[in-house]
Amino acid sequence: MALDDRSRRRARNKTRNKAQELQGQVKEATGRATNDPRLEAEGRSDQTSANLKQAVEKVKDAFRRRR
């Protein structure tokens, strides 16, 4: 049962990270379209944060598979 909870949590984290990345892409594109450098930078920041979180999840998955 505990493994199912962990699997759900991992899937939820991956989904949230992907959503944050997509949100960042939208912000960046909106910033570019409206000529708002702050919004564009915020979008890039969101994407970078999401990508780092995704990388951490991939590292965790790699170690989980080895056990």
N, C-alpha and C. Protein backbone atom coordinates (compact mmCIF):
# COMPACT_ATOMS: atom_id res chain seq x y z
N MET A 1 0.82 -1.20 0.00
CA MET A 1 0.00 0.00 0.00
C MET A 1 0.86 1.25 0.00
N ALA A 2 1.93 1.23 0.78
CA ALA A 2 2.80 2.40 0.86
C ALA A 2 3.44 2.70 -0.49
N LEU A 3 3.74 1.65 -1.24
CA LEU A 3 4.33 1.87 -2.56
C LEU A 3 3.36 2.57 -3.49
N ASP A 4 2.08 2.21 -3.41
CA ASP A 4 1.09 2.88 -4.24
C ASP A 4 1.01 4.36 -3.91
N ASP A 5 1.07 4.70 -2.64
CA ASP A 5 1.05 6.11 -2.23
C ASP A 5 2.27 6.84 -2.77
N ARG A 6 3.41 6.20 -2.70
CA ARG A 6 4.64 6.82 -3.21
C ARG A 6 4.57 7.01 -4.71
N SER A 7 4.03 6.01 -5.40
CA SER A 7 3.91 6.12 -6.86
C SER A 7 2.98 7.26 -7.24
N ARG A 8 1.89 7.39 -6.50
CA ARG A 8 0.96 8.49 -6.78
C ARG A 8 1.61 9.84 -6.51
N ARG A 9 2.38 9.91 -5.43
CA ARG A 9 3.05 11.16 -5.09
C ARG A 9 4.07 11.53 -6.17
N ARG A 10 4.82 10.53 -6.65
CA ARG A 10 5.80 10.80 -7.72
C ARG A 10 5.10 11.29 -8.97
N ALA A 11 4.00 10.63 -9.32
CA ALA A 11 3.26 11.04 -10.52
C ALA A 11 2.70 12.45 -10.36
N ARG A 12 2.20 12.75 -9.16
CA ARG A 12 1.66 14.09 -8.90
C ARG A 12 2.77 15.14 -9.01
N ASN A 13 3.95 14.84 -8.46
CA ASN A 13 5.07 15.78 -8.54
C ASN A 13 5.48 16.01 -9.99
N LYS A 14 5.55 14.95 -10.77
CA LYS A 14 5.92 15.09 -12.18
C LYS A 14 4.91 15.92 -12.93
N THR A 15 3.64 15.72 -12.63
CA THR A 15 2.58 16.49 -13.29
C THR A 15 2.67 17.96 -12.91
N ARG A 16 2.89 18.23 -11.64
CA ARG A 16 3.02 19.62 -11.19
C ARG A 16 4.22 20.30 -11.83
N ASN A 17 5.33 19.58 -11.93
CA ASN A 17 6.53 20.15 -12.54
C ASN A 17 6.30 20.47 -14.01
N LYS A 18 5.64 19.57 -14.72
CA LYS A 18 5.35 19.81 -16.13
C LYS A 18 4.40 20.99 -16.29
N ALA A 19 3.41 21.08 -15.40
CA ALA A 19 2.48 22.21 -15.45
C ALA A 19 3.20 23.54 -15.21
N GLN A 20 4.16 23.52 -14.27
CA GLN A 20 4.92 24.73 -13.99
C GLN A 20 5.76 25.11 -15.21
N GLU A 21 6.32 24.12 -15.88
CA GLU A 21 7.11 24.39 -17.08
C GLU A 21 6.24 25.01 -18.17
N LEU A 22 5.06 24.44 -18.38
CA LEU A 22 4.15 24.98 -19.40
C LEU A 22 3.68 26.39 -19.03
N GLN A 23 3.44 26.61 -17.75
CA GLN A 23 3.04 27.94 -17.29
C GLN A 23 4.15 28.94 -17.59
N GLY A 24 5.39 28.52 -17.38
CA GLY A 24 6.52 29.39 -17.67
C GLY A 24 6.63 29.71 -19.15
N GLN A 25 6.34 28.71 -20.00
CA GLN A 25 6.37 28.95 -21.44
C GLN A 25 5.32 29.97 -21.85
N VAL A 26 4.14 29.86 -21.24
CA VAL A 26 3.06 30.80 -21.55
C VAL A 26 3.45 32.20 -21.09
N LYS A 27 4.00 32.30 -19.87
CA LYS A 27 4.41 33.62 -19.37
C LYS A 27 5.49 34.23 -20.25
N GLU A 28 6.45 33.41 -20.64
CA GLU A 28 7.54 33.93 -21.48
C GLU A 28 7.00 34.43 -22.82
N ALA A 29 6.11 33.64 -23.44
CA ALA A 29 5.54 34.04 -24.73
C ALA A 29 4.67 35.28 -24.59
N THR A 30 3.92 35.37 -23.50
CA THR A 30 3.09 36.54 -23.25
C THR A 30 3.96 37.77 -23.04
N GLY A 31 5.03 37.60 -22.28
CA GLY A 31 5.96 38.71 -22.06
C GLY A 31 6.58 39.20 -23.35
N ARG A 32 6.94 38.24 -24.22
CA ARG A 32 7.52 38.61 -25.51
C ARG A 32 6.49 39.34 -26.36
N ALA A 33 5.25 38.84 -26.36
CA ALA A 33 4.19 39.43 -27.20
C ALA A 33 3.80 40.81 -26.72
N THR A 34 3.83 41.03 -25.41
CA THR A 34 3.41 42.33 -24.86
C THR A 34 4.60 43.24 -24.59
N ASN A 35 5.79 42.77 -24.94
CA ASN A 35 7.02 43.54 -24.72
C ASN A 35 7.20 43.85 -23.23
N ASP A 36 6.98 42.83 -22.40
CA ASP A 36 7.13 42.97 -20.95
C ASP A 36 8.32 42.10 -20.51
N PRO A 37 9.49 42.71 -20.36
CA PRO A 37 10.68 41.92 -20.02
C PRO A 37 10.59 41.23 -18.65
N ARG A 38 9.88 41.83 -17.72
CA ARG A 38 9.73 41.22 -16.40
C ARG A 38 8.95 39.91 -16.48
N LEU A 39 7.85 39.93 -17.21
CA LEU A 39 7.04 38.73 -17.38
C LEU A 39 7.79 37.65 -18.16
N GLU A 40 8.53 38.08 -19.15
CA GLU A 40 9.34 37.14 -19.94
C GLU A 40 10.39 36.46 -19.06
N ALA A 41 11.05 37.25 -18.21
CA ALA A 41 12.07 36.71 -17.31
C ALA A 41 11.44 35.78 -16.27
N GLU A 42 10.27 36.15 -15.79
CA GLU A 42 9.57 35.31 -14.81
C GLU A 42 9.21 33.97 -15.44
N GLY A 43 8.81 33.99 -16.70
CA GLY A 43 8.50 32.75 -17.40
C GLY A 43 9.72 31.86 -17.55
N ARG A 44 10.85 32.46 -17.91
CA ARG A 44 12.09 31.68 -18.01
C ARG A 44 12.48 31.11 -16.67
N SER A 45 12.28 31.89 -15.61
CA SER A 45 12.59 31.43 -14.26
C SER A 45 11.71 30.24 -13.87
N ASP A 46 10.43 30.31 -14.18
CA ASP A 46 9.51 29.20 -13.90
C ASP A 46 9.94 27.94 -14.64
N GLN A 47 10.33 28.11 -15.90
CA GLN A 47 10.76 26.96 -16.69
C GLN A 47 12.03 26.33 -16.11
N THR A 48 12.97 27.16 -15.72
CA THR A 48 14.21 26.66 -15.15
C THR A 48 13.95 25.92 -13.85
N SER A 49 13.11 26.47 -13.01
CA SER A 49 12.77 25.83 -11.76
C SER A 49 12.11 24.47 -12.01
N ALA A 50 11.19 24.42 -12.94
CA ALA A 50 10.50 23.16 -13.25
C ALA A 50 11.48 22.14 -13.82
N ASN A 51 12.38 22.59 -14.67
CA ASN A 51 13.36 21.67 -15.26
C ASN A 51 14.28 21.10 -14.19
N LEU A 52 14.68 21.91 -13.24
CA LEU A 52 15.52 21.41 -12.15
C LEU A 52 14.77 20.38 -11.31
N LYS A 53 13.50 20.67 -11.02
CA LYS A 53 12.69 19.72 -10.26
C LYS A 53 12.52 18.40 -11.02
N GLN A 54 12.34 18.50 -12.34
CA GLN A 54 12.22 17.29 -13.15
C GLN A 54 13.51 16.50 -13.13
N ALA A 55 14.64 17.18 -13.16
CA ALA A 55 15.93 16.51 -13.11
C ALA A 55 16.11 15.77 -11.78
N VAL A 56 15.68 16.39 -10.70
CA VAL A 56 15.76 15.75 -9.38
C VAL A 56 14.89 14.50 -9.37
N GLU A 57 13.69 14.58 -9.93
CA GLU A 57 12.80 13.42 -9.98
C GLU A 57 13.44 12.29 -10.79
N LYS A 58 14.13 12.63 -11.89
CA LYS A 58 14.78 11.61 -12.70
C LYS A 58 15.91 10.93 -11.94
N VAL A 59 16.66 11.71 -11.17
CA VAL A 59 17.73 11.14 -10.35
C VAL A 59 17.13 10.21 -9.30
N LYS A 60 16.07 10.64 -8.67
CA LYS A 60 15.39 9.80 -7.67
C LYS A 60 14.93 8.50 -8.31
N ASP A 61 14.34 8.59 -9.49
CA ASP A 61 13.86 7.40 -10.19
C ASP A 61 15.02 6.45 -10.50
N ALA A 62 16.14 7.00 -10.90
CA ALA A 62 17.31 6.17 -11.22
C ALA A 62 17.76 5.39 -10.01
N PHE A 63 17.77 6.00 -8.85
CA PHE A 63 18.19 5.30 -7.63
C PHE A 63 17.12 4.33 -7.16
N ARG A 64 15.87 4.63 -7.37
CA ARG A 64 14.79 3.72 -6.97
C ARG A 64 14.86 2.42 -7.76
N ARG A 65 15.19 2.52 -9.04
CA ARG A 65 15.23 1.34 -9.91
C ARG A 65 16.36 0.40 -9.54
N ARG A 66 17.40 0.91 -8.94
CA ARG A 66 18.56 0.09 -8.60
C ARG A 66 18.33 -0.77 -7.37
N ARG A 67 17.40 -0.40 -6.54
CA ARG A 67 17.17 -1.18 -5.30
C ARG A 67 16.59 -2.52 -5.57
